[in-house]
């Protein structure tokens, strides 16, 4: 998907990967292993898959990519602790994470949508 957008003339600095739940896990998995920093990665109600092998596979250049992670405190599908563990591991490796928590289950709330809009305005001026 990134390669296709690049072929269409979209610079990596204007590409945001985003996903919810498994889609967020895919966005993290893909975006953090790429050779070019992206405008951002938005990972909602998810975790970093294959976290134990991530350090060896991560792209040093991707550390420049801003990451927005958000999670519900009452999520019964993807435990909050798993998402928080992913966030802390990424920060330990030098990634910049904007982290938000909301009093909700495995869903999206209006406050989260507003936070997403503000973050997108910052990473895509």
PDB file of N, CA and C in Angstrom:
ATOM      1  N   UNK A   1       0.824  -1.179   0.000  1.00  0.00           N
ATOM      2  CA  UNK A   1       0.000   0.000   0.000  1.00  0.00           C
ATOM      3  C   UNK A   1       0.877   1.255   0.000  1.00  0.00           C
ATOM      4  N   UNK A   2       1.896   1.275   0.837  1.00  0.00           N
ATOM      5  CA  UNK A   2       2.794   2.431   0.869  1.00  0.00           C
ATOM      6  C   UNK A   2       3.495   2.582  -0.474  1.00  0.00           C
ATOM      7  N   UNK A   3       3.992   1.476  -1.016  1.00  0.00           N
ATOM      8  CA  UNK A   3       4.686   1.521  -2.309  1.00  0.00           C
ATOM      9  C   UNK A   3       3.756   2.036  -3.402  1.00  0.00           C
ATOM     10  N   UNK A   4       2.506   1.624  -3.376  1.00  0.00           N
ATOM     11  CA  UNK A   4       1.548   2.081  -4.385  1.00  0.00           C
ATOM     12  C   UNK A   4       1.336   3.592  -4.290  1.00  0.00           C
ATOM     13  N   UNK A   5       1.213   4.097  -3.086  1.00  0.00           N
ATOM     14  CA  UNK A   5       1.045   5.542  -2.912  1.00  0.00           C
ATOM     15  C   UNK A   5       2.299   6.299  -3.343  1.00  0.00           C
ATOM     16  N   UNK A   6       3.453   5.737  -3.038  1.00  0.00           N
ATOM     17  CA  UNK A   6       4.717   6.370  -3.458  1.00  0.00           C
ATOM     18  C   UNK A   6       4.798   6.412  -4.984  1.00  0.00           C
ATOM     19  N   UNK A   7       4.373   5.335  -5.655  1.00  0.00           N
ATOM     20  CA  UNK A   7       4.361   5.307  -7.124  1.00  0.00           C
ATOM     21  C   UNK A   7       3.416   6.355  -7.701  1.00  0.00           C
ATOM     22  N   UNK A   8       2.380   6.687  -6.963  1.00  0.00           N
ATOM     23  CA  UNK A   8       1.437   7.714  -7.404  1.00  0.00           C
ATOM     24  C   UNK A   8       1.958   9.122  -7.121  1.00  0.00           C
ATOM     25  N   UNK A   9       3.152   9.219  -6.545  1.00  0.00           N
ATOM     26  CA  UNK A   9       3.755  10.523  -6.292  1.00  0.00           C
ATOM     27  C   UNK A   9       3.512  11.096  -4.916  1.00  0.00           C
ATOM     28  N   UNK A  10       2.936  10.316  -4.023  1.00  0.00           N
ATOM     29  CA  UNK A  10       2.699  10.789  -2.657  1.00  0.00           C
ATOM     30  C   UNK A  10       3.976  10.574  -1.852  1.00  0.00           C
ATOM     31  N   UNK A  11       4.562  11.634  -1.296  1.00  0.00           N
ATOM     32  CA  UNK A  11       5.768  11.435  -0.490  1.00  0.00           C
ATOM     33  C   UNK A  11       5.439  10.709   0.820  1.00  0.00           C
ATOM     34  N   UNK A  12       6.383   9.944   1.315  1.00  0.00           N
ATOM     35  CA  UNK A  12       6.184   9.217   2.575  1.00  0.00           C
ATOM     36  C   UNK A  12       5.807  10.176   3.700  1.00  0.00           C
ATOM     37  N   UNK A  13       6.295  11.391   3.644  1.00  0.00           N
ATOM     38  CA  UNK A  13       6.012  12.386   4.680  1.00  0.00           C
ATOM     39  C   UNK A  13       4.551  12.840   4.684  1.00  0.00           C
ATOM     40  N   UNK A  14       3.744  12.358   3.724  1.00  0.00           N
ATOM     41  CA  UNK A  14       2.319  12.692   3.671  1.00  0.00           C
ATOM     42  C   UNK A  14       1.436  11.452   3.843  1.00  0.00           C
ATOM     43  N   UNK A  15       2.042  10.329   4.217  1.00  0.00           N
ATOM     44  CA  UNK A  15       1.294   9.075   4.368  1.00  0.00           C
ATOM     45  C   UNK A  15       1.118   8.755   5.850  1.00  0.00           C
ATOM     46  N   UNK A  16      -0.124   8.497   6.245  1.00  0.00           N
ATOM     47  CA  UNK A  16      -0.447   8.054   7.601  1.00  0.00           C
ATOM     48  C   UNK A  16      -1.063   6.666   7.490  1.00  0.00           C
ATOM     49  N   UNK A  17      -0.494   5.712   8.211  1.00  0.00           N
ATOM     50  CA  UNK A  17      -1.106   4.382   8.325  1.00  0.00           C
ATOM     51  C   UNK A  17      -1.991   4.405   9.562  1.00  0.00           C
ATOM     52  N   UNK A  18      -3.201   3.896   9.430  1.00  0.00           N
ATOM     53  CA  UNK A  18      -4.126   3.918  10.552  1.00  0.00           C
ATOM     54  C   UNK A  18      -4.905   2.617  10.602  1.00  0.00           C
ATOM     55  N   UNK A  19      -5.240   2.219  11.819  1.00  0.00           N
ATOM     56  CA  UNK A  19      -6.047   1.026  11.962  1.00  0.00           C
ATOM     57  C   UNK A  19      -6.611   0.894  13.360  1.00  0.00           C
ATOM     58  N   UNK A  20      -7.709   0.150  13.451  1.00  0.00           N
ATOM     59  CA  UNK A  20      -8.377  -0.137  14.711  1.00  0.00           C
ATOM     60  C   UNK A  20      -8.276  -1.634  14.978  1.00  0.00           C
ATOM     61  N   UNK A  21      -7.915  -2.008  16.194  1.00  0.00           N
ATOM     62  CA  UNK A  21      -7.814  -3.399  16.618  1.00  0.00           C
ATOM     63  C   UNK A  21      -6.753  -4.122  15.787  1.00  0.00           C
ATOM     64  N   UNK A  22      -7.126  -5.160  15.061  1.00  0.00           N
ATOM     65  CA  UNK A  22      -6.135  -5.876  14.247  1.00  0.00           C
ATOM     66  C   UNK A  22      -5.543  -4.959  13.180  1.00  0.00           C
ATOM     67  N   UNK A  23      -6.339  -4.032  12.666  1.00  0.00           N
ATOM     68  CA  UNK A  23      -5.830  -3.067  11.692  1.00  0.00           C
ATOM     69  C   UNK A  23      -4.758  -2.170  12.289  1.00  0.00           C
ATOM     70  N   UNK A  24      -4.911  -1.819  13.555  1.00  0.00           N
ATOM     71  CA  UNK A  24      -3.891  -1.025  14.239  1.00  0.00           C
ATOM     72  C   UNK A  24      -2.612  -1.816  14.437  1.00  0.00           C
ATOM     73  N   UNK A  25      -2.759  -3.098  14.748  1.00  0.00           N
ATOM     74  CA  UNK A  25      -1.582  -3.961  14.890  1.00  0.00           C
ATOM     75  C   UNK A  25      -0.834  -4.052  13.563  1.00  0.00           C
ATOM     76  N   UNK A  26      -1.568  -4.152  12.461  1.00  0.00           N
ATOM     77  CA  UNK A  26      -0.942  -4.207  11.137  1.00  0.00           C
ATOM     78  C   UNK A  26      -0.265  -2.882  10.815  1.00  0.00           C
ATOM     79  N   UNK A  27      -0.908  -1.768  11.158  1.00  0.00           N
ATOM     80  CA  UNK A  27      -0.301  -0.452  10.911  1.00  0.00           C
ATOM     81  C   UNK A  27       1.025  -0.327  11.657  1.00  0.00           C
ATOM     82  N   UNK A  28       1.069  -0.747  12.922  1.00  0.00           N
ATOM     83  CA  UNK A  28       2.323  -0.710  13.684  1.00  0.00           C
ATOM     84  C   UNK A  28       3.356  -1.644  13.074  1.00  0.00           C
ATOM     85  N   UNK A  29       2.949  -2.873  12.813  1.00  0.00           N
ATOM     86  CA  UNK A  29       3.865  -3.879  12.280  1.00  0.00           C
ATOM     87  C   UNK A  29       4.492  -3.409  10.969  1.00  0.00           C
ATOM     88  N   UNK A  30       3.699  -2.838  10.097  1.00  0.00           N
ATOM     89  CA  UNK A  30       4.171  -2.406   8.783  1.00  0.00           C
ATOM     90  C   UNK A  30       4.942  -1.094   8.852  1.00  0.00           C
ATOM     91  N   UNK A  31       4.346  -0.102   9.480  1.00  0.00           N
ATOM     92  CA  UNK A  31       4.935   1.233   9.489  1.00  0.00           C
ATOM     93  C   UNK A  31       6.261   1.338  10.198  1.00  0.00           C
ATOM     94  N   UNK A  32       6.465   0.529  11.223  1.00  0.00           N
ATOM     95  CA  UNK A  32       7.702   0.618  12.003  1.00  0.00           C
ATOM     96  C   UNK A  32       8.833  -0.212  11.418  1.00  0.00           C
ATOM     97  N   UNK A  33       8.556  -0.941  10.375  1.00  0.00           N
ATOM     98  CA  UNK A  33       9.593  -1.736   9.721  1.00  0.00           C
ATOM     99  C   UNK A  33       9.984  -1.146   8.363  1.00  0.00           C
ATOM    100  N   UNK A  34       9.333  -0.062   7.969  1.00  0.00           N
ATOM    101  CA  UNK A  34       9.594   0.556   6.673  1.00  0.00           C
ATOM    102  C   UNK A  34      10.908   1.314   6.646  1.00  0.00           C
ATOM    103  N   UNK A  35      11.393   1.552   5.452  1.00  0.00           N
ATOM    104  CA  UNK A  35      12.681   2.226   5.279  1.00  0.00           C
ATOM    105  C   UNK A  35      12.585   3.741   5.370  1.00  0.00           C
ATOM    106  N   UNK A  36      11.392   4.293   5.168  1.00  0.00           N
ATOM    107  CA  UNK A  36      11.230   5.738   5.211  1.00  0.00           C
ATOM    108  C   UNK A  36      10.302   6.126   6.350  1.00  0.00           C
ATOM    109  N   UNK A  37      10.608   7.227   7.042  1.00  0.00           N
ATOM    110  CA  UNK A  37       9.659   7.709   8.047  1.00  0.00           C
ATOM    111  C   UNK A  37       8.373   8.180   7.366  1.00  0.00           C
ATOM    112  N   UNK A  38       7.252   7.888   7.983  1.00  0.00           N
ATOM    113  CA  UNK A  38       5.948   8.299   7.467  1.00  0.00           C
ATOM    114  C   UNK A  38       5.481   9.553   8.201  1.00  0.00           C
ATOM    115  N   UNK A  39       4.385  10.147   7.716  1.00  0.00           N
ATOM    116  CA  UNK A  39       3.796  11.286   8.425  1.00  0.00           C
ATOM    117  C   UNK A  39       3.311  10.841   9.797  1.00  0.00           C
ATOM    118  N   UNK A  40       2.860   9.586   9.898  1.00  0.00           N
ATOM    119  CA  UNK A  40       2.401   9.095  11.180  1.00  0.00           C
ATOM    120  C   UNK A  40       1.805   7.704  11.099  1.00  0.00           C
ATOM    121  N   UNK A  41       1.642   7.118  12.282  1.00  0.00           N
ATOM    122  CA  UNK A  41       0.952   5.840  12.438  1.00  0.00           C
ATOM    123  C   UNK A  41      -0.092   6.040  13.526  1.00  0.00           C
ATOM    124  N   UNK A  42      -1.339   5.707  13.220  1.00  0.00           N
ATOM    125  CA  UNK A  42      -2.420   5.800  14.178  1.00  0.00           C
ATOM    126  C   UNK A  42      -2.859   4.384  14.519  1.00  0.00           C
ATOM    127  N   UNK A  43      -2.686   3.996  15.765  1.00  0.00           N
ATOM    128  CA  UNK A  43      -2.960   2.629  16.200  1.00  0.00           C
ATOM    129  C   UNK A  43      -3.980   2.670  17.338  1.00  0.00           C
ATOM    130  N   UNK A  44      -5.212   2.298  17.039  1.00  0.00           N
ATOM    131  CA  UNK A  44      -6.313   2.415  17.986  1.00  0.00           C
ATOM    132  C   UNK A  44      -6.720   1.047  18.527  1.00  0.00           C
ATOM    133  N   UNK A  45      -6.834   0.956  19.840  1.00  0.00           N
ATOM    134  CA  UNK A  45      -7.307  -0.262  20.512  1.00  0.00           C
ATOM    135  C   UNK A  45      -6.569  -1.497  20.023  1.00  0.00           C
ATOM    136  N   UNK A  46      -5.240  -1.440  20.071  1.00  0.00           N
ATOM    137  CA  UNK A  46      -4.432  -2.541  19.546  1.00  0.00           C
ATOM    138  C   UNK A  46      -3.155  -2.704  20.364  1.00  0.00           C
ATOM    139  N   UNK A  47      -2.286  -3.548  19.880  1.00  0.00           N
ATOM    140  CA  UNK A  47      -0.998  -3.819  20.509  1.00  0.00           C
ATOM    141  C   UNK A  47       0.016  -4.053  19.400  1.00  0.00           C
ATOM    142  N   UNK A  48       1.292  -4.089  19.753  1.00  0.00           N
ATOM    143  CA  UNK A  48       2.348  -4.366  18.780  1.00  0.00           C
ATOM    144  C   UNK A  48       2.508  -5.877  18.648  1.00  0.00           C
ATOM    145  N   UNK A  49       2.197  -6.447  17.476  1.00  0.00           N
ATOM    146  CA  UNK A  49       2.363  -7.893  17.307  1.00  0.00           C
ATOM    147  C   UNK A  49       3.835  -8.266  17.199  1.00  0.00           C
ATOM    148  N   UNK A  50       4.151  -9.485  17.558  1.00  0.00           N
ATOM    149  CA  UNK A  50       5.523 -10.011  17.477  1.00  0.00           C
ATOM    150  C   UNK A  50       6.510  -9.109  18.201  1.00  0.00           C
ATOM    151  N   UNK A  51       6.102  -8.620  19.355  1.00  0.00           N
ATOM    152  CA  UNK A  51       6.916  -7.656  20.096  1.00  0.00           C
ATOM    153  C   UNK A  51       8.286  -8.211  20.468  1.00  0.00           C
ATOM    154  N   UNK A  52       8.393  -9.506  20.711  1.00  0.00           N
ATOM    155  CA  UNK A  52       9.680 -10.064  21.138  1.00  0.00           C
ATOM    156  C   UNK A  52      10.729 -10.005  20.042  1.00  0.00           C
ATOM    157  N   UNK A  53      10.314 -10.043  18.786  1.00  0.00           N
ATOM    158  CA  UNK A  53      11.278  -9.975  17.684  1.00  0.00           C
ATOM    159  C   UNK A  53      11.366  -8.586  17.069  1.00  0.00           C
ATOM    160  N   UNK A  54      10.578  -7.659  17.569  1.00  0.00           N
ATOM    161  CA  UNK A  54      10.495  -6.347  16.938  1.00  0.00           C
ATOM    162  C   UNK A  54      11.822  -5.595  16.936  1.00  0.00           C
ATOM    163  N   UNK A  55      12.554  -5.617  18.033  1.00  0.00           N
ATOM    164  CA  UNK A  55      13.807  -4.868  18.121  1.00  0.00           C
ATOM    165  C   UNK A  55      14.760  -5.181  16.989  1.00  0.00           C
ATOM    166  N   UNK A  56      14.845  -6.439  16.591  1.00  0.00           N
ATOM    167  CA  UNK A  56      15.759  -6.843  15.519  1.00  0.00           C
ATOM    168  C   UNK A  56      15.233  -6.467  14.139  1.00  0.00           C
ATOM    169  N   UNK A  57      13.921  -6.291  14.008  1.00  0.00           N
ATOM    170  CA  UNK A  57      13.313  -6.013  12.703  1.00  0.00           C
ATOM    171  C   UNK A  57      13.001  -4.542  12.477  1.00  0.00           C
ATOM    172  N   UNK A  58      13.044  -3.742  13.520  1.00  0.00           N
ATOM    173  CA  UNK A  58      12.632  -2.344  13.423  1.00  0.00           C
ATOM    174  C   UNK A  58      13.584  -1.538  12.557  1.00  0.00           C
ATOM    175  N   UNK A  59      13.017  -0.577  11.869  1.00  0.00           N
ATOM    176  CA  UNK A  59      13.801   0.335  11.043  1.00  0.00           C
ATOM    177  C   UNK A  59      14.218   1.533  11.887  1.00  0.00           C
ATOM    178  N   UNK A  60      15.507   1.838  11.897  1.00  0.00           N
ATOM    179  CA  UNK A  60      15.996   2.988  12.660  1.00  0.00           C
ATOM    180  C   UNK A  60      15.378   4.282  12.138  1.00  0.00           C
ATOM    181  N   UNK A  61      15.178   4.385  10.839  1.00  0.00           N
ATOM    182  CA  UNK A  61      14.604   5.605  10.258  1.00  0.00           C
ATOM    183  C   UNK A  61      13.147   5.784  10.666  1.00  0.00           C
ATOM    184  N   UNK A  62      12.452   4.683  10.932  1.00  0.00           N
ATOM    185  CA  UNK A  62      11.041   4.773  11.314  1.00  0.00           C
ATOM    186  C   UNK A  62      10.870   5.389  12.698  1.00  0.00           C
ATOM    187  N   UNK A  63      11.931   5.485  13.476  1.00  0.00           N
ATOM    188  CA  UNK A  63      11.828   6.114  14.801  1.00  0.00           C
ATOM    189  C   UNK A  63      11.416   7.581  14.700  1.00  0.00           C
ATOM    190  N   UNK A  64      11.564   8.158  13.533  1.00  0.00           N
ATOM    191  CA  UNK A  64      11.156   9.551  13.317  1.00  0.00           C
ATOM    192  C   UNK A  64       9.649   9.676  13.082  1.00  0.00           C
ATOM    193  N   UNK A  65       8.973   8.569  12.862  1.00  0.00           N
ATOM    194  CA  UNK A  65       7.538   8.582  12.563  1.00  0.00           C
ATOM    195  C   UNK A  65       6.729   8.822  13.836  1.00  0.00           C
ATOM    196  N   UNK A  66       5.900   9.870  13.875  1.00  0.00           N
ATOM    197  CA  UNK A  66       5.030  10.082  15.036  1.00  0.00           C
ATOM    198  C   UNK A  66       3.983   8.970  15.127  1.00  0.00           C
ATOM    199  N   UNK A  67       3.689   8.550  16.346  1.00  0.00           N
ATOM    200  CA  UNK A  67       2.719   7.472  16.564  1.00  0.00           C
ATOM    201  C   UNK A  67       1.643   7.957  17.529  1.00  0.00           C
ATOM    202  N   UNK A  68       0.390   7.770  17.147  1.00  0.00           N
ATOM    203  CA  UNK A  68      -0.748   8.048  18.015  1.00  0.00           C
ATOM    204  C   UNK A  68      -1.340   6.704  18.407  1.00  0.00           C
ATOM    205  N   UNK A  69      -1.324   6.414  19.703  1.00  0.00           N
ATOM    206  CA  UNK A  69      -1.936   5.186  20.211  1.00  0.00           C
ATOM    207  C   UNK A  69      -3.020   5.571  21.212  1.00  0.00           C
ATOM    208  N   UNK A  70      -4.172   4.929  21.097  1.00  0.00           N
ATOM    209  CA  UNK A  70      -5.280   5.193  22.004  1.00  0.00           C
ATOM    210  C   UNK A  70      -5.945   3.874  22.366  1.00  0.00           C
ATOM    211  N   UNK A  71      -6.474   3.823  23.603  1.00  0.00           N
ATOM    212  CA  UNK A  71      -7.046   2.560  24.067  1.00  0.00           C
ATOM    213  C   UNK A  71      -8.122   2.815  25.113  1.00  0.00           C
ATOM    214  N   UNK A  72      -9.124   1.955  25.107  1.00  0.00           N
ATOM    215  CA  UNK A  72     -10.175   2.015  26.112  1.00  0.00           C
ATOM    216  C   UNK A  72      -9.748   1.313  27.390  1.00  0.00           C
ATOM    217  N   UNK A  73     -10.052   1.935  28.512  1.00  0.00           N
ATOM    218  CA  UNK A  73      -9.684   1.356  29.807  1.00  0.00           C
ATOM    219  C   UNK A  73     -10.502   0.110  30.137  1.00  0.00           C
ATOM    220  N   UNK A  74     -11.643  -0.066  29.483  1.00  0.00           N
ATOM    221  CA  UNK A  74     -12.513  -1.218  29.746  1.00  0.00           C
ATOM    222  C   UNK A  74     -12.597  -2.137  28.527  1.00  0.00           C
ATOM    223  N   UNK A  75     -11.517  -2.229  27.765  1.00  0.00           N
ATOM    224  CA  UNK A  75     -11.506  -3.033  26.534  1.00  0.00           C
ATOM    225  C   UNK A  75     -11.431  -4.521  26.884  1.00  0.00           C
ATOM    226  N   UNK A  76     -12.487  -5.313  26.580  1.00  0.00           N
ATOM    227  CA  UNK A  76     -12.450  -6.740  26.877  1.00  0.00           C
ATOM    228  C   UNK A  76     -11.805  -7.572  25.761  1.00  0.00           C
ATOM    229  N   UNK A  77     -11.535  -6.965  24.614  1.00  0.00           N
ATOM    230  CA  UNK A  77     -10.992  -7.687  23.458  1.00  0.00           C
ATOM    231  C   UNK A  77      -9.463  -7.642  23.452  1.00  0.00           C
ATOM    232  N   UNK A  78      -8.913  -6.445  23.495  1.00  0.00           N
ATOM    233  CA  UNK A  78      -7.458  -6.246  23.572  1.00  0.00           C
ATOM    234  C   UNK A  78      -7.187  -5.620  24.939  1.00  0.00           C
ATOM    235  N   UNK A  79      -6.651  -6.376  25.871  1.00  0.00           N
ATOM    236  CA  UNK A  79      -6.458  -5.853  27.221  1.00  0.00           C
ATOM    237  C   UNK A  79      -5.628  -4.565  27.235  1.00  0.00           C
ATOM    238  N   UNK A  80      -6.085  -3.627  28.053  1.00  0.00           N
ATOM    239  CA  UNK A  80      -5.386  -2.350  28.201  1.00  0.00           C
ATOM    240  C   UNK A  80      -3.916  -2.570  28.550  1.00  0.00           C
ATOM    241  N   UNK A  81      -3.635  -3.528  29.420  1.00  0.00           N
ATOM    242  CA  UNK A  81      -2.253  -3.795  29.841  1.00  0.00           C
ATOM    243  C   UNK A  81      -1.366  -4.186  28.661  1.00  0.00           C
ATOM    244  N   UNK A  82      -1.897  -4.928  27.712  1.00  0.00           N
ATOM    245  CA  UNK A  82      -1.125  -5.337  26.538  1.00  0.00           C
ATOM    246  C   UNK A  82      -0.792  -4.126  25.665  1.00  0.00           C
ATOM    247  N   UNK A  83      -1.759  -3.246  25.479  1.00  0.00           N
ATOM    248  CA  UNK A  83      -1.517  -2.025  24.698  1.00  0.00           C
ATOM    249  C   UNK A  83      -0.493  -1.140  25.397  1.00  0.00           C
ATOM    250  N   UNK A  84      -0.632  -0.990  26.703  1.00  0.00           N
ATOM    251  CA  UNK A  84       0.298  -0.159  27.470  1.00  0.00           C
ATOM    252  C   UNK A  84       1.710  -0.739  27.426  1.00  0.00           C
ATOM    253  N   UNK A  85       1.822  -2.044  27.501  1.00  0.00           N
ATOM    254  CA  UNK A  85       3.126  -2.708  27.397  1.00  0.00           C
ATOM    255  C   UNK A  85       3.761  -2.425  26.032  1.00  0.00           C
ATOM    256  N   UNK A  86       2.976  -2.454  24.976  1.00  0.00           N
ATOM    257  CA  UNK A  86       3.483  -2.153  23.632  1.00  0.00           C
ATOM    258  C   UNK A  86       3.981  -0.715  23.564  1.00  0.00           C
ATOM    259  N   UNK A  87       3.202   0.199  24.100  1.00  0.00           N
ATOM    260  CA  UNK A  87       3.587   1.616  24.123  1.00  0.00           C
ATOM    261  C   UNK A  87       4.905   1.814  24.860  1.00  0.00           C
ATOM    262  N   UNK A  88       5.036   1.208  26.028  1.00  0.00           N
ATOM    263  CA  UNK A  88       6.255   1.377  26.831  1.00  0.00           C
ATOM    264  C   UNK A  88       7.465   0.775  26.129  1.00  0.00           C
ATOM    265  N   UNK A  89       7.294  -0.363  25.463  1.00  0.00           N
ATOM    266  CA  UNK A  89       8.401  -0.970  24.740  1.00  0.00           C
ATOM    267  C   UNK A  89       8.856  -0.069  23.600  1.00  0.00           C
ATOM    268  N   UNK A  90       7.909   0.490  22.861  1.00  0.00           N
ATOM    269  CA  UNK A  90       8.254   1.383  21.756  1.00  0.00           C
ATOM    270  C   UNK A  90       8.983   2.627  22.266  1.00  0.00           C
ATOM    271  N   UNK A  91       8.528   3.169  23.369  1.00  0.00           N
ATOM    272  CA  UNK A  91       9.209   4.338  23.944  1.00  0.00           C
ATOM    273  C   UNK A  91      10.631   3.989  24.373  1.00  0.00           C
ATOM    274  N   UNK A  92      10.814   2.813  24.946  1.00  0.00           N
ATOM    275  CA  UNK A  92      12.150   2.367  25.349  1.00  0.00           C
ATOM    276  C   UNK A  92      13.086   2.288  24.146  1.00  0.00           C
ATOM    277  N   UNK A  93      12.536   1.948  22.987  1.00  0.00           N
ATOM    278  CA  UNK A  93      13.335   1.847  21.763  1.00  0.00           C
ATOM    279  C   UNK A  93      13.512   3.193  21.061  1.00  0.00           C
ATOM    280  N   UNK A  94      12.939   4.256  21.615  1.00  0.00           N
ATOM    281  CA  UNK A  94      13.154   5.590  21.064  1.00  0.00           C
ATOM    282  C   UNK A  94      12.049   6.139  20.190  1.00  0.00           C
ATOM    283  N   UNK A  95      10.893   5.482  20.153  1.00  0.00           N
ATOM    284  CA  UNK A  95       9.776   5.977  19.345  1.00  0.00           C
ATOM    285  C   UNK A  95       9.000   7.042  20.112  1.00  0.00           C
ATOM    286  N   UNK A  96       8.452   8.005  19.376  1.00  0.00           N
ATOM    287  CA  UNK A  96       7.647   9.078  19.966  1.00  0.00           C
ATOM    288  C   UNK A  96       6.182   8.658  19.926  1.00  0.00           C
ATOM    289  N   UNK A  97       5.600   8.460  21.087  1.00  0.00           N
ATOM    290  CA  UNK A  97       4.214   7.995  21.178  1.00  0.00           C
ATOM    291  C   UNK A  97       3.353   9.086  21.804  1.00  0.00           C
ATOM    292  N   UNK A  98       2.261   9.408  21.149  1.00  0.00           N
ATOM    293  CA  UNK A  98       1.227  10.210  21.795  1.00  0.00           C
ATOM    294  C   UNK A  98       0.169   9.210  22.245  1.00  0.00           C
ATOM    295  N   UNK A  99       0.015   9.051  23.546  1.00  0.00           N
ATOM    296  CA  UNK A  99      -0.837   8.012  24.139  1.00  0.00           C
ATOM    297  C   UNK A  99      -2.077   8.641  24.757  1.00  0.00           C
ATOM    298  N   UNK A 100      -3.226   8.050  24.493  1.00  0.00           N
ATOM    299  CA  UNK A 100      -4.480   8.501  25.084  1.00  0.00           C
ATOM    300  C   UNK A 100      -5.257   7.289  25.590  1.00  0.00           C
ATOM    301  N   UNK A 101      -5.950   7.492  26.712  1.00  0.00           N
ATOM    302  CA  UNK A 101      -6.819   6.465  27.288  1.00  0.00           C
ATOM    303  C   UNK A 101      -8.209   7.057  27.461  1.00  0.00           C
ATOM    304  N   UNK A 102      -9.215   6.219  27.295  1.00  0.00           N
ATOM    305  CA  UNK A 102     -10.596   6.681  27.382  1.00  0.00           C
ATOM    306  C   UNK A 102     -11.421   5.674  28.184  1.00  0.00           C
ATOM    307  N   UNK A 103     -12.440   6.144  28.906  1.00  0.00           N
ATOM    308  CA  UNK A 103     -13.304   5.239  29.673  1.00  0.00           C
ATOM    309  C   UNK A 103     -14.328   4.568  28.752  1.00  0.00           C
ATOM    310  N   UNK A 104     -13.855   3.585  27.984  1.00  0.00           N
ATOM    311  CA  UNK A 104     -14.722   2.924  27.001  1.00  0.00           C
ATOM    312  C   UNK A 104     -14.258   1.491  26.790  1.00  0.00           C
ATOM    313  N   UNK A 105     -15.114   0.663  26.165  1.00  0.00           N
ATOM    314  CA  UNK A 105     -14.709  -0.699  25.802  1.00  0.00           C
ATOM    315  C   UNK A 105     -13.925  -0.678  24.484  1.00  0.00           C
ATOM    316  N   UNK A 106     -14.012  -1.736  23.722  1.00  0.00           N
ATOM    317  CA  UNK A 106     -13.307  -1.882  22.440  1.00  0.00           C
ATOM    318  C   UNK A 106     -14.092  -1.115  21.376  1.00  0.00           C
ATOM    319  N   UNK A 107     -13.916   0.194  21.375  1.00  0.00           N
ATOM    320  CA  UNK A 107     -14.689   1.046  20.475  1.00  0.00           C
ATOM    321  C   UNK A 107     -13.971   2.383  20.318  1.00  0.00           C
ATOM    322  N   UNK A 108     -14.662   3.331  19.717  1.00  0.00           N
ATOM    323  CA  UNK A 108     -14.148   4.690  19.534  1.00  0.00           C
ATOM    324  C   UNK A 108     -15.169   5.643  20.135  1.00  0.00           C
ATOM    325  N   UNK A 109     -14.690   6.677  20.809  1.00  0.00           N
ATOM    326  CA  UNK A 109     -15.597   7.662  21.392  1.00  0.00           C
ATOM    327  C   UNK A 109     -15.337   9.039  20.764  1.00  0.00           C
ATOM    328  N   UNK A 110     -16.243   9.978  21.003  1.00  0.00           N
ATOM    329  CA  UNK A 110     -16.128  11.305  20.403  1.00  0.00           C
ATOM    330  C   UNK A 110     -14.849  12.023  20.849  1.00  0.00           C
ATOM    331  N   UNK A 111     -14.480  11.893  22.105  1.00  0.00           N
ATOM    332  CA  UNK A 111     -13.245  12.525  22.575  1.00  0.00           C
ATOM    333  C   UNK A 111     -12.037  11.982  21.803  1.00  0.00           C
ATOM    334  N   UNK A 112     -12.035  10.691  21.541  1.00  0.00           N
ATOM    335  CA  UNK A 112     -10.951  10.088  20.774  1.00  0.00           C
ATOM    336  C   UNK A 112     -10.922  10.642  19.348  1.00  0.00           C
ATOM    337  N   UNK A 113     -12.080  10.770  18.730  1.00  0.00           N
ATOM    338  CA  UNK A 113     -12.156  11.326  17.375  1.00  0.00           C
ATOM    339  C   UNK A 113     -11.586  12.745  17.359  1.00  0.00           C
ATOM    340  N   UNK A 114     -11.899  13.525  18.367  1.00  0.00           N
ATOM    341  CA  UNK A 114     -11.367  14.889  18.456  1.00  0.00           C
ATOM    342  C   UNK A 114      -9.852  14.876  18.640  1.00  0.00           C
ATOM    343  N   UNK A 115      -9.346  13.965  19.457  1.00  0.00           N
ATOM    344  CA  UNK A 115      -7.895  13.850  19.652  1.00  0.00           C
ATOM    345  C   UNK A 115      -7.204  13.400  18.363  1.00  0.00           C
ATOM    346  N   UNK A 116      -7.834  12.496  17.634  1.00  0.00           N
ATOM    347  CA  UNK A 116      -7.292  12.040  16.347  1.00  0.00           C
ATOM    348  C   UNK A 116      -7.208  13.216  15.376  1.00  0.00           C
ATOM    349  N   UNK A 117      -8.280  14.004  15.294  1.00  0.00           N
ATOM    350  CA  UNK A 117      -8.296  15.150  14.379  1.00  0.00           C
ATOM    351  C   UNK A 117      -7.183  16.135  14.722  1.00  0.00           C
ATOM    352  N   UNK A 118      -6.983  16.403  16.002  1.00  0.00           N
ATOM    353  CA  UNK A 118      -5.920  17.329  16.418  1.00  0.00           C
ATOM    354  C   UNK A 118      -4.547  16.769  16.059  1.00  0.00           C
ATOM    355  N   UNK A 119      -4.349  15.479  16.281  1.00  0.00           N
ATOM    356  CA  UNK A 119      -3.062  14.851  15.952  1.00  0.00           C
ATOM    357  C   UNK A 119      -2.819  14.894  14.451  1.00  0.00           C
ATOM    358  N   UNK A 120      -3.837  14.584  13.655  1.00  0.00           N
ATOM    359  CA  UNK A 120      -3.683  14.626  12.196  1.00  0.00           C
ATOM    360  C   UNK A 120      -3.332  16.034  11.715  1.00  0.00           C
ATOM    361  N   UNK A 121      -3.931  17.049  12.326  1.00  0.00           N
ATOM    362  CA  UNK A 121      -3.587  18.429  11.945  1.00  0.00           C
ATOM    363  C   UNK A 121      -2.121  18.728  12.239  1.00  0.00           C
ATOM    364  N   UNK A 122      -1.578  18.125  13.282  1.00  0.00           N
ATOM    365  CA  UNK A 122      -0.161  18.358  13.621  1.00  0.00           C
ATOM    366  C   UNK A 122       0.781  17.611  12.682  1.00  0.00           C
ATOM    367  N   UNK A 123       0.458  16.364  12.342  1.00  0.00           N
ATOM    368  CA  UNK A 123       1.391  15.575  11.525  1.00  0.00           C
ATOM    369  C   UNK A 123       1.214  15.813  10.030  1.00  0.00           C
ATOM    370  N   UNK A 124       0.067  16.351   9.643  1.00  0.00           N
ATOM    371  CA  UNK A 124      -0.190  16.683   8.232  1.00  0.00           C
ATOM    372  C   UNK A 124      -0.582  18.158   8.127  1.00  0.00           C
ATOM    373  N   UNK A 125       0.367  19.056   8.406  1.00  0.00           N
ATOM    374  CA  UNK A 125       0.015  20.500   8.397  1.00  0.00           C
ATOM    375  C   UNK A 125      -0.358  20.985   7.005  1.00  0.00           C
TER     376      UNK A 125
END
